[in-house]
Amino acid sequence: MESLGDELWDVVICGTGLQQSLLALALSRSKKRILHLDPNDYYGENEAAFSLQEADGWAATHARLNTRESSSQQNIFKNASTWQHPEASDLGLSFPRAYSLALAPQIIHTRSNLVEQLVSSRAYKQVEFLAVGSFFVYNAEANDASSRLARIPSSREDVFSTQSIPVRSKRSLMKFLKFVIDYDSEEQRPLWRGQEQKPLAEFLATEFKLDENLKKYILALTLTLDGRVTVVDGLAIIHRHLTSMGLFGPGFCALYPKWGGSSEIAQVACRAGAVGGGIYMLDTKAQVKDESSGGEISLDLSNGLSVRTTKLVTSQNEAAPDSQTITRLVAVVNSPLKLLFEVNVEGAPTPAVAVVAFPGNSSSDGPIYALVHSSDTGECPKGQSVIYLTTQTTPQAVRRLESALENLLATTTSVESPTTPVCLYKLQYEQSLSAREALRTAGDGISTLAFPSPSLNLAFDDGCLGAVQNAWKLVIGEDASDDEYMIFQDREGMADDDDDAYD
């Protein structure tokens, strides 16, 4: 341990969030001297996955807003709490480590750049990806609870086979789907250029004559939490959704990593960093010494050691003033919710994630999205499900999330399972954003970079990957070549199916 202080590290990375971990993966073949720390005793930082006991402890740490601090000093997480049913054990709640509740339950479209980088870096072999299945819209006006979930058609075959859309409306929907597949072509651009900042809902009505129900379907696919997606953003999102469909197999357009989503990718990336020679130390805080100078940054570690480096990479965990804030409710329920995970396309895998949209009721009440995870995700025992409900933070947000959860569970009853599922455990919290740009300083031969906090999007945002590549260039220096970034060969002596390659 003492020898760590004698080393001049090429980079010290603080935090094992997804961006820092992807940086470790990118540097894993560089032969650089890398020290990777985390003040927490777990991997994943803001994208971690917790057992119930860990979730209780995390919620206690982020229980309330600290009114003594200015808003610019607030942690991005606040107002966290947990709840457990008084008869949870009798109703099926298992031991705490049987659960893995994700702070970042983002789906990953198959055409995401993240997937491409995991493939080119060979890290994908250590991640078990699961299919994201159907997208639904909740219709509160339906006559009975069992018919209030409408599955959104996402392909030509889907549109023709569905019985819930009139023939005339099908024609309008097919016209839009055909357009959006090729929306940025020279032929299609004139239809939307000049209307980029117009609300997508208005564009759908005027240009494609879509009725209210069809507009709800299209807007739900954008996964936009404020309900005010623009034409330019909405078309790009829908295009990604449709062109991702069928890329890796029939019936799905997105993936979810087993065992806790982004947290699992972070751990795989860190294992690659360790195999490449990086040194890892959890539960270790780092403080920059005031006298850092002379081409070196000196850090005091909480374990009593002092280390030196020329490059320091951290993350921003303070909420920016007036930043977007979401409220999330994570619920463990004692039912497999099988109706949400049906295979609707021949040859498709059984999905492990379903998406349910609850359209907003007014301009002040944005939509609610529920990402429903089966036990196949490894996040709960068999016979149970985990539901991640998210909406924009408002004074009514918690009440609306609870109501959406109640309505969702009521729709999943059937002849086979006539009893309404019961919620066994809940984790609730608010999450905000830091400044959105990476903070970078340089001078006197030293450099620092702080990644922004994770996006609040429900689908993985490829925009965060640029900051990781810039950090990689910072560490590699003049030899950095974009053509070589995240492109590795299999390690010598390791077979393609070697599940322990990073252990």
Protein backbone atom coordinates (compact mmCIF):
# COMPACT_ATOMS: atom_id res chain seq x y z
CA MET A 1 0.00 0.00 0.00
CA GLU A 2 2.79 2.44 0.87
CA SER A 3 4.28 2.01 -2.61
CA LEU A 4 1.18 3.60 -4.13
CA GLY A 5 2.36 6.92 -2.76
CA ASP A 6 5.74 6.53 -4.49
CA GLU A 7 4.13 6.19 -7.93
CA LEU A 8 3.42 9.14 -10.19
CA TRP A 9 0.09 8.09 -11.65
CA ASP A 10 -0.78 8.96 -15.24
CA VAL A 11 -4.36 9.48 -14.10
CA VAL A 12 -6.37 9.17 -10.90
CA ILE A 13 -10.06 8.53 -11.56
CA CYS A 14 -12.44 9.31 -8.69
CA GLY A 15 -15.81 7.58 -8.86
CA THR A 16 -17.00 4.42 -10.62
CA GLY A 17 -20.02 5.93 -12.37
CA LEU A 18 -20.66 4.87 -15.94
CA GLN A 19 -18.55 7.60 -17.56
CA GLN A 20 -15.53 7.07 -15.29
CA SER A 21 -15.82 3.31 -15.78
CA LEU A 22 -16.02 3.62 -19.56
CA LEU A 23 -12.89 5.78 -19.37
CA ALA A 24 -11.17 2.97 -17.46
CA LEU A 25 -12.27 0.55 -20.19
CA ALA A 26 -10.93 2.85 -22.91
CA LEU A 27 -7.57 3.08 -21.10
CA SER A 28 -7.38 -0.63 -20.25
CA ARG A 29 -4.95 -1.42 -23.11
CA SER A 30 -2.96 1.83 -22.89
CA LYS A 31 -0.29 0.67 -20.39
CA LYS A 32 -0.92 3.89 -18.45
CA ARG A 33 -0.54 3.94 -14.67
CA ILE A 34 -4.16 4.23 -13.48
CA LEU A 35 -5.47 4.55 -9.93
CA HIS A 36 -9.26 4.25 -9.73
CA LEU A 37 -10.95 5.27 -6.48
CA ASP A 38 -14.50 5.51 -5.22
CA PRO A 39 -15.63 7.13 -1.95
CA ASN A 40 -18.48 4.60 -1.81
CA ASP A 41 -18.11 0.94 -0.88
CA TYR A 42 -19.95 -0.10 -4.05
CA TYR A 43 -19.50 0.29 -7.81
CA GLY A 44 -21.66 2.49 -10.02
CA GLU A 45 -21.83 5.81 -8.11
CA ASN A 46 -24.94 7.61 -9.48
CA GLU A 47 -25.85 4.57 -11.59
CA ALA A 48 -25.47 1.99 -8.81
CA ALA A 49 -27.81 -0.93 -8.10
CA PHE A 50 -28.76 -1.68 -4.48
CA SER A 51 -29.98 -4.51 -2.34
CA LEU A 52 -32.90 -3.54 -0.09
CA GLN A 53 -30.55 -2.98 2.85
CA GLU A 54 -28.26 -0.83 0.71
CA ALA A 55 -31.26 1.09 -0.63
CA ASP A 56 -32.37 1.83 2.95
CA GLY A 57 -28.91 3.15 3.81
CA TRP A 58 -28.65 5.20 0.61
CA ALA A 59 -32.10 6.72 1.17
CA ALA A 60 -31.17 7.69 4.75
CA THR A 61 -28.10 9.52 3.40
CA HIS A 62 -30.21 11.43 0.84
CA ALA A 63 -33.30 11.77 3.00
CA ARG A 64 -33.97 15.48 2.88
CA LEU A 65 -33.00 18.76 1.32
CA ASN A 66 -30.30 20.56 3.32
CA THR A 67 -31.77 24.04 3.70
CA ARG A 68 -28.47 25.39 5.01
CA GLU A 69 -26.90 25.05 1.58
CA SER A 70 -27.56 27.09 -1.52
CA SER A 71 -29.21 25.31 -4.43
CA SER A 72 -25.90 25.24 -6.31
CA GLN A 73 -24.46 23.04 -3.54
CA GLN A 74 -27.29 20.54 -3.37
CA ASN A 75 -26.51 16.90 -4.14
CA ILE A 76 -28.27 15.74 -7.30
CA PHE A 77 -30.25 13.25 -5.15
CA LYS A 78 -32.58 14.41 -2.40
CA ASN A 79 -35.82 13.70 -0.52
CA ALA A 80 -35.23 9.94 -0.60
CA SER A 81 -37.25 7.50 1.48
CA THR A 82 -38.15 3.82 1.65
CA TRP A 83 -41.29 1.97 2.71
CA GLN A 84 -42.00 -1.68 3.43
CA HIS A 85 -45.39 -3.35 3.66
CA PRO A 86 -46.13 -4.28 7.31
CA GLU A 87 -46.83 -7.86 6.19
CA ALA A 88 -44.10 -7.94 3.54
CA SER A 89 -42.55 -11.23 4.62
CA ASP A 90 -45.89 -13.05 4.61
CA LEU A 91 -46.68 -11.59 1.18
CA GLY A 92 -43.42 -12.80 -0.36
CA LEU A 93 -40.64 -10.25 0.28
CA SER A 94 -37.36 -12.17 0.18
CA PHE A 95 -33.99 -11.47 1.84
CA PRO A 96 -32.40 -8.06 1.02
CA ARG A 97 -29.71 -9.31 -1.37
CA ALA A 98 -32.32 -11.06 -3.52
CA TYR A 99 -32.98 -7.61 -4.98
CA SER A 100 -30.93 -5.23 -7.10
CA LEU A 101 -32.72 -1.88 -7.52
CA ALA A 102 -31.16 0.35 -10.18
CA LEU A 103 -30.70 4.10 -9.81
CA ALA A 104 -30.41 4.38 -13.61
CA PRO A 105 -32.89 1.92 -15.18
CA GLN A 106 -32.30 3.22 -18.70
CA ILE A 107 -33.12 1.16 -21.75
CA ILE A 108 -30.45 1.12 -24.49
CA HIS A 109 -31.55 1.25 -28.12
CA THR A 110 -29.83 -1.35 -30.26
CA ARG A 111 -28.45 1.39 -32.52
CA SER A 112 -26.90 3.25 -29.58
CA ASN A 113 -23.23 4.18 -29.89
CA LEU A 114 -22.76 2.64 -26.44
CA VAL A 115 -23.62 -0.79 -27.85
CA GLU A 116 -21.15 -0.25 -30.71
CA GLN A 117 -18.38 0.65 -28.24
CA LEU A 118 -19.10 -2.33 -26.00
CA VAL A 119 -18.84 -4.56 -29.07
CA SER A 120 -15.66 -3.00 -30.50
CA SER A 121 -13.96 -3.06 -27.06
CA ARG A 122 -14.96 -6.73 -26.56
CA ALA A 123 -16.62 -5.81 -23.23
CA TYR A 124 -20.03 -6.93 -24.52
CA LYS A 125 -19.02 -10.54 -23.87
CA GLN A 126 -19.24 -9.90 -20.13
CA VAL A 127 -22.71 -8.30 -20.23
CA GLU A 128 -25.92 -10.32 -20.53
CA PHE A 129 -28.35 -8.18 -22.51
CA LEU A 130 -32.12 -8.71 -22.30
CA ALA A 131 -34.86 -7.62 -24.70
CA VAL A 132 -37.09 -4.61 -24.04
CA GLY A 133 -40.52 -5.65 -25.27
CA SER A 134 -43.80 -3.85 -25.79
CA PHE A 135 -44.55 -0.17 -25.25
CA PHE A 136 -48.02 0.57 -23.86
CA VAL A 137 -50.19 3.64 -23.34
CA TYR A 138 -52.55 3.75 -20.36
CA ASN A 139 -56.05 4.94 -21.26
CA ALA A 140 -57.96 6.00 -18.15
CA GLU A 141 -61.17 6.41 -20.18
CA ALA A 142 -61.47 2.76 -21.17
CA ASN A 143 -64.62 1.01 -19.95
CA ASP A 144 -62.89 -1.56 -17.74
CA ALA A 145 -59.49 -1.82 -16.10
CA SER A 146 -58.34 -4.83 -18.13
CA SER A 147 -58.63 -2.88 -21.43
CA ARG A 148 -56.88 0.29 -20.31
CA LEU A 149 -53.46 -0.72 -21.60
CA ALA A 150 -53.06 -0.25 -25.36
CA ARG A 151 -49.95 -1.72 -26.97
CA ILE A 152 -48.21 0.71 -29.33
CA PRO A 153 -47.62 -0.71 -32.82
CA SER A 154 -44.00 -0.11 -33.83
CA SER A 155 -43.79 -1.77 -37.24
CA ARG A 156 -45.76 -2.18 -40.47
CA GLU A 157 -46.88 -5.65 -39.38
CA ASP A 158 -47.94 -4.30 -35.99
CA VAL A 159 -50.10 -1.62 -37.54
CA PHE A 160 -51.88 -4.00 -39.92
CA SER A 161 -52.54 -6.64 -37.27
CA THR A 162 -53.83 -4.42 -34.46
CA GLN A 163 -57.60 -4.31 -34.00
CA SER A 164 -57.67 -1.16 -31.86
CA ILE A 165 -56.95 1.30 -34.71
CA PRO A 166 -59.57 2.08 -37.40
CA VAL A 167 -58.55 1.41 -41.02
CA ARG A 168 -58.47 5.10 -41.96
CA SER A 169 -56.25 5.89 -38.97
CA LYS A 170 -53.96 3.02 -39.94
CA ARG A 171 -53.32 4.69 -43.28
CA SER A 172 -52.35 7.94 -41.58
CA LEU A 173 -50.08 6.13 -39.12
CA MET A 174 -48.39 4.14 -41.89
CA LYS A 175 -47.77 7.36 -43.81
CA PHE A 176 -46.01 8.83 -40.77
CA LEU A 177 -43.96 5.69 -40.06
CA LYS A 178 -42.80 5.57 -43.68
CA PHE A 179 -41.84 9.25 -43.49
CA VAL A 180 -39.91 9.08 -40.21
CA ILE A 181 -37.79 6.12 -41.33
CA ASP A 182 -36.30 8.40 -43.99
CA TYR A 183 -37.13 11.80 -42.48
CA ASP A 184 -33.66 13.34 -42.92
CA SER A 185 -33.34 12.50 -46.60
CA GLU A 186 -33.25 15.19 -49.25
CA GLU A 187 -36.73 14.16 -50.35
CA GLN A 188 -38.35 14.36 -46.88
CA ARG A 189 -36.59 17.36 -45.30
CA PRO A 190 -38.84 20.01 -46.93
CA LEU A 191 -41.81 18.59 -45.00
CA TRP A 192 -40.39 19.53 -41.60
CA ARG A 193 -37.61 22.06 -42.19
CA GLY A 194 -38.72 25.43 -40.84
CA GLN A 195 -40.85 23.69 -38.19
CA GLU A 196 -37.99 22.31 -36.08
CA GLN A 197 -39.05 24.00 -32.84
CA LYS A 198 -42.74 23.42 -33.31
CA PRO A 199 -44.37 20.95 -30.86
CA LEU A 200 -44.30 17.45 -32.35
CA ALA A 201 -47.96 16.93 -31.40
CA GLU A 202 -49.00 19.90 -33.52
CA PHE A 203 -46.87 18.70 -36.44
CA LEU A 204 -48.46 15.23 -36.29
CA ALA A 205 -51.95 16.75 -36.46
CA THR A 206 -51.35 19.23 -39.25
CA GLU A 207 -49.05 17.22 -41.53
CA PHE A 208 -50.33 13.66 -40.97
CA LYS A 209 -53.87 14.16 -39.62
CA LEU A 210 -53.23 11.86 -36.66
CA ASP A 211 -56.05 11.75 -34.12
CA GLU A 212 -55.58 12.17 -30.37
CA ASN A 213 -55.03 8.47 -29.69
CA LEU A 214 -52.38 8.09 -32.40
CA LYS A 215 -50.62 11.24 -31.21
CA LYS A 216 -50.47 9.71 -27.72
CA TYR A 217 -48.85 6.59 -29.19
CA ILE A 218 -46.18 8.56 -31.06
CA LEU A 219 -45.44 10.93 -28.16
CA ALA A 220 -45.15 7.97 -25.77
CA LEU A 221 -42.37 6.49 -27.91
CA THR A 222 -40.27 9.65 -27.38
CA LEU A 223 -40.05 8.90 -23.59
CA THR A 224 -40.07 12.69 -23.07
CA LEU A 225 -40.85 13.59 -19.46
CA ASP A 226 -42.02 17.17 -20.01
CA GLY A 227 -44.46 16.19 -22.78
CA ARG A 228 -43.25 19.11 -24.92
CA VAL A 229 -40.93 17.43 -27.39
CA THR A 230 -40.11 19.47 -30.50
CA VAL A 231 -40.30 18.33 -34.10
CA VAL A 232 -36.52 18.13 -34.56
CA ASP A 233 -35.96 16.15 -31.36
CA GLY A 234 -39.06 14.00 -31.67
CA LEU A 235 -38.33 12.88 -35.23
CA ALA A 236 -34.78 11.92 -34.29
CA ILE A 237 -36.00 9.87 -31.31
CA ILE A 238 -38.75 8.08 -33.23
CA HIS A 239 -36.32 7.40 -36.09
CA ARG A 240 -33.88 5.77 -33.65
CA HIS A 241 -36.70 3.70 -32.14
CA LEU A 242 -37.97 2.39 -35.47
CA THR A 243 -34.57 1.75 -37.06
CA SER A 244 -33.45 -0.11 -33.93
CA MET A 245 -36.33 -2.55 -34.27
CA GLY A 246 -35.17 -5.98 -35.39
CA LEU A 247 -31.45 -5.14 -35.49
CA PHE A 248 -30.50 -7.95 -33.09
CA GLY A 249 -33.62 -10.06 -33.53
CA PRO A 250 -37.35 -9.79 -34.19
CA GLY A 251 -39.74 -8.00 -31.89
CA PHE A 252 -37.54 -5.61 -29.94
CA CYS A 253 -35.69 -2.34 -30.44
CA ALA A 254 -33.86 -1.89 -27.14
CA LEU A 255 -31.77 -3.78 -24.60
CA TYR A 256 -31.35 -3.85 -20.85
CA PRO A 257 -28.25 -5.24 -19.06
CA LYS A 258 -29.07 -7.96 -16.54
CA TRP A 259 -28.36 -7.44 -12.83
CA GLY A 260 -28.92 -3.69 -12.60
CA GLY A 261 -28.66 -1.89 -15.92
CA SER A 262 -25.91 0.72 -16.21
CA SER A 263 -24.38 -0.49 -12.94
CA GLU A 264 -23.54 -3.82 -14.58
CA ILE A 265 -21.82 -2.09 -17.52
CA ALA A 266 -19.82 0.04 -15.07
CA GLN A 267 -18.62 -3.04 -13.19
CA VAL A 268 -17.68 -4.85 -16.41
CA ALA A 269 -15.72 -1.78 -17.56
CA CYS A 270 -13.92 -1.58 -14.22
CA ARG A 271 -12.98 -5.27 -14.40
CA ALA A 272 -11.46 -4.59 -17.82
CA GLY A 273 -9.50 -1.72 -16.26
CA ALA A 274 -8.23 -4.00 -13.50
CA VAL A 275 -7.15 -6.69 -15.99
CA GLY A 276 -5.27 -3.94 -17.83
CA GLY A 277 -3.28 -3.12 -14.71
CA GLY A 278 -5.41 -0.42 -13.07
CA ILE A 279 -5.46 -0.32 -9.26
CA TYR A 280 -8.92 -0.16 -7.62
CA MET A 281 -9.78 1.12 -4.16
CA LEU A 282 -13.39 1.40 -2.98
CA ASP A 283 -14.52 3.19 0.16
CA THR A 284 -11.67 5.66 -0.34
CA LYS A 285 -12.18 9.42 -0.47
CA ALA A 286 -9.64 11.75 -2.08
CA GLN A 287 -8.91 15.39 -1.24
CA VAL A 288 -6.69 17.60 -3.40
CA LYS A 289 -3.89 19.21 -1.38
CA ASP A 290 -3.79 22.99 -1.52
CA GLU A 291 -0.08 22.91 -2.27
CA SER A 292 -0.46 20.83 -5.45
CA SER A 293 1.99 22.36 -7.93
CA GLY A 294 5.16 21.71 -9.90
CA GLY A 295 3.45 19.68 -12.59
CA GLU A 296 1.79 17.32 -10.10
CA ILE A 297 -1.53 17.04 -8.28
CA SER A 298 -1.20 15.73 -4.74
CA LEU A 299 -4.14 13.89 -3.18
CA ASP A 300 -4.72 12.88 0.43
CA LEU A 301 -6.70 9.64 0.64
CA SER A 302 -9.03 8.74 3.50
CA ASN A 303 -6.94 5.63 4.24
CA GLY A 304 -3.99 7.84 5.22
CA LEU A 305 -2.02 7.59 1.97
CA SER A 306 -0.97 10.45 -0.27
CA VAL A 307 -0.70 9.96 -4.04
CA ARG A 308 0.51 12.05 -6.97
CA THR A 309 -0.76 12.39 -10.52
CA THR A 310 -0.71 14.71 -13.52
CA LYS A 311 -4.36 14.06 -14.52
CA LEU A 312 -7.40 13.92 -12.24
CA VAL A 313 -10.87 12.82 -13.42
CA THR A 314 -13.90 13.24 -11.15
CA SER A 315 -17.66 13.77 -11.47
CA GLN A 316 -20.05 16.60 -10.68
CA ASN A 317 -22.56 15.71 -7.98
CA GLU A 318 -23.96 19.15 -7.20
CA ALA A 319 -27.30 20.13 -8.73
CA ALA A 320 -27.19 23.18 -10.98
CA PRO A 321 -29.53 26.05 -10.05
CA ASP A 322 -33.02 25.60 -11.55
CA SER A 323 -32.01 22.32 -13.18
CA GLN A 324 -34.55 19.76 -14.36
CA THR A 325 -35.64 17.46 -11.55
CA ILE A 326 -37.47 14.15 -11.69
CA THR A 327 -39.27 12.16 -9.02
CA ARG A 328 -38.86 8.40 -9.17
CA LEU A 329 -40.80 5.67 -7.39
CA VAL A 330 -39.30 2.17 -7.42
CA ALA A 331 -41.78 -0.53 -6.40
CA VAL A 332 -41.29 -4.25 -5.77
CA VAL A 333 -44.55 -6.15 -6.33
CA ASN A 334 -45.45 -9.76 -5.60
CA SER A 335 -46.56 -10.66 -9.12
CA PRO A 336 -44.75 -11.59 -12.36
CA LEU A 337 -47.16 -9.28 -14.29
CA LYS A 338 -47.09 -11.77 -17.17
CA LEU A 339 -49.54 -9.80 -19.32
CA LEU A 340 -46.84 -7.16 -19.89
CA PHE A 341 -44.19 -9.60 -21.09
CA GLU A 342 -45.99 -11.52 -23.80
CA VAL A 343 -44.16 -12.33 -27.05
CA ASN A 344 -46.02 -10.60 -29.89
CA VAL A 345 -43.72 -11.41 -32.82
CA GLU A 346 -42.88 -14.94 -33.93
CA GLY A 347 -39.31 -15.85 -33.07
CA ALA A 348 -38.82 -12.94 -30.67
CA PRO A 349 -37.20 -13.53 -27.26
CA THR A 350 -39.30 -13.25 -24.14
CA PRO A 351 -38.94 -9.61 -23.08
CA ALA A 352 -37.65 -8.71 -19.62
CA VAL A 353 -38.69 -5.04 -19.71
CA ALA A 354 -41.96 -3.39 -20.74
CA VAL A 355 -42.67 0.35 -20.98
CA VAL A 356 -45.99 1.92 -19.94
CA ALA A 357 -46.78 5.59 -20.62
CA PHE A 358 -49.37 7.54 -18.66
CA PRO A 359 -50.10 10.69 -20.70
CA GLY A 360 -50.15 13.97 -18.77
CA ASN A 361 -53.46 15.51 -17.83
CA SER A 362 -52.46 19.16 -18.29
CA SER A 363 -49.58 21.43 -19.22
CA SER A 364 -48.38 21.33 -15.59
CA ASP A 365 -48.69 17.55 -15.21
CA GLY A 366 -46.27 15.88 -17.62
CA PRO A 367 -46.45 12.21 -18.54
CA ILE A 368 -45.48 9.38 -16.22
CA TYR A 369 -43.47 6.44 -17.50
CA ALA A 370 -43.28 3.03 -15.86
CA LEU A 371 -40.40 0.71 -16.79
CA VAL A 372 -41.59 -2.71 -15.65
CA HIS A 373 -38.86 -5.32 -15.08
CA SER A 374 -39.47 -9.03 -14.75
CA SER A 375 -37.42 -11.31 -12.54
CA ASP A 376 -35.35 -12.22 -15.62
CA THR A 377 -33.45 -8.97 -15.06
CA GLY A 378 -32.02 -10.44 -11.85
CA GLU A 379 -33.41 -7.48 -9.91
CA CYS A 380 -35.97 -9.49 -7.92
CA PRO A 381 -36.90 -13.13 -7.18
CA LYS A 382 -39.06 -15.21 -9.51
CA GLY A 383 -42.76 -14.50 -9.22
CA GLN A 384 -42.13 -10.80 -8.57
CA SER A 385 -41.48 -7.64 -10.60
CA VAL A 386 -39.81 -4.26 -10.13
CA ILE A 387 -41.55 -1.14 -11.47
CA TYR A 388 -39.62 2.11 -12.00
CA LEU A 389 -42.05 5.03 -12.28
CA THR A 390 -40.72 8.46 -13.29
CA THR A 391 -42.17 11.93 -13.83
CA GLN A 392 -41.12 15.55 -13.60
CA THR A 393 -41.01 16.88 -10.05
CA THR A 394 -44.07 18.94 -9.09
CA PRO A 395 -45.94 19.36 -5.79
CA GLN A 396 -48.27 16.57 -6.98
CA ALA A 397 -45.58 14.25 -8.34
CA VAL A 398 -45.57 11.71 -5.50
CA ARG A 399 -49.36 11.46 -5.44
CA ARG A 400 -49.48 11.02 -9.22
CA LEU A 401 -46.82 8.29 -9.15
CA GLU A 402 -48.68 6.40 -6.43
CA SER A 403 -51.91 6.69 -8.42
CA ALA A 404 -50.19 5.47 -11.61
CA LEU A 405 -48.77 2.48 -9.72
CA GLU A 406 -52.20 1.62 -8.35
CA ASN A 407 -53.81 1.91 -11.79
CA LEU A 408 -51.10 -0.18 -13.44
CA LEU A 409 -51.45 -3.00 -10.93
CA ALA A 410 -55.24 -2.95 -11.36
CA THR A 411 -54.91 -3.49 -15.13
CA THR A 412 -52.77 -6.61 -14.74
CA THR A 413 -55.49 -8.72 -13.11
CA SER A 414 -56.90 -11.51 -15.24
CA VAL A 415 -58.92 -14.69 -15.10
CA GLU A 416 -55.71 -16.59 -14.29
CA SER A 417 -54.64 -14.05 -11.63
CA PRO A 418 -57.78 -12.36 -10.31
CA THR A 419 -56.05 -10.90 -7.25
CA THR A 420 -54.54 -7.43 -7.60
CA PRO A 421 -50.76 -7.53 -7.03
CA VAL A 422 -49.46 -6.03 -3.79
CA CYS A 423 -46.53 -3.65 -3.42
CA LEU A 424 -43.99 -5.05 -0.96
CA TYR A 425 -41.29 -2.36 -0.92
CA LYS A 426 -40.84 1.17 -2.28
CA LEU A 427 -37.88 3.46 -2.83
CA GLN A 428 -38.69 7.08 -3.66
CA TYR A 429 -36.37 10.00 -4.43
CA GLU A 430 -35.79 13.13 -6.48
CA GLN A 431 -32.91 13.50 -8.91
CA SER A 432 -31.58 16.69 -10.53
CA LEU A 433 -28.88 17.57 -13.03
CA SER A 434 -25.46 19.12 -12.57
CA ALA A 435 -24.03 21.53 -15.12
CA ARG A 436 -24.26 19.75 -18.47
CA GLU A 437 -20.73 20.35 -19.71
CA ALA A 438 -17.63 18.56 -18.47
CA LEU A 439 -15.55 20.94 -16.36
CA ARG A 440 -11.92 21.02 -17.43
CA THR A 441 -8.90 22.88 -16.14
CA ALA A 442 -5.28 22.78 -17.35
CA GLY A 443 -2.01 24.48 -16.53
CA ASP A 444 1.48 23.93 -15.20
CA GLY A 445 1.57 20.43 -16.70
CA ILE A 446 -1.54 19.20 -14.88
CA SER A 447 -5.14 18.71 -16.01
CA THR A 448 -8.47 17.98 -14.31
CA LEU A 449 -11.81 16.98 -15.76
CA ALA A 450 -15.17 16.52 -14.03
CA PHE A 451 -17.91 14.62 -15.86
CA PRO A 452 -21.48 15.97 -15.65
CA SER A 453 -24.10 14.02 -13.72
CA PRO A 454 -26.07 11.32 -15.57
CA SER A 455 -28.83 12.28 -17.97
CA LEU A 456 -32.38 11.93 -16.66
CA ASN A 457 -33.53 10.35 -19.94
CA LEU A 458 -35.25 6.98 -19.72
CA ALA A 459 -33.31 5.79 -22.78
CA PHE A 460 -29.52 5.94 -22.69
CA ASP A 461 -28.20 9.27 -23.98
CA ASP A 462 -25.23 8.78 -26.33
CA GLY A 463 -24.35 12.43 -25.75
CA CYS A 464 -22.39 11.52 -22.60
CA LEU A 465 -19.94 9.41 -24.60
CA GLY A 466 -18.20 12.41 -26.14
CA ALA A 467 -16.94 13.57 -22.73
CA VAL A 468 -15.49 10.09 -22.11
CA GLN A 469 -13.59 10.17 -25.39
CA ASN A 470 -12.29 13.67 -24.61
CA ALA A 471 -11.05 12.43 -21.22
CA TRP A 472 -9.33 9.51 -22.95
CA LYS A 473 -7.55 11.94 -25.28
CA LEU A 474 -6.52 14.01 -22.26
CA VAL A 475 -4.79 11.00 -20.67
CA ILE A 476 -3.32 9.47 -23.84
CA GLY A 477 -1.98 12.80 -25.09
CA GLU A 478 -0.52 13.36 -28.56
CA ASP A 479 -0.68 9.66 -29.46
CA ALA A 480 -4.49 9.59 -29.21
CA SER A 481 -6.15 8.54 -32.47
CA ASP A 482 -9.92 8.46 -32.91
CA ASP A 483 -9.50 5.46 -35.18
CA GLU A 484 -8.17 3.43 -32.25
CA TYR A 485 -10.66 4.54 -29.58
CA MET A 486 -12.45 1.60 -27.89
CA ILE A 487 -11.31 -0.83 -30.60
CA PHE A 488 -9.61 -3.88 -29.05
CA GLN A 489 -8.85 -7.44 -30.00
CA ASP A 490 -9.62 -10.38 -27.72
CA ARG A 491 -6.94 -10.81 -25.09
CA GLU A 492 -4.47 -13.55 -25.90
CA GLY A 493 -5.44 -16.93 -24.52
CA MET A 494 -9.08 -15.98 -23.88
CA ALA A 495 -11.80 -17.78 -25.82
CA ASP A 496 -14.83 -16.01 -27.24
CA ASP A 497 -17.09 -17.67 -24.69
CA ASP A 498 -14.80 -17.14 -21.69
CA ASP A 499 -17.20 -15.74 -19.12
CA ASP A 500 -14.38 -15.17 -16.65
CA ALA A 501 -12.21 -13.08 -18.95
CA TYR A 502 -12.40 -10.05 -16.68
CA ASP A 503 -12.49 -11.84 -13.32
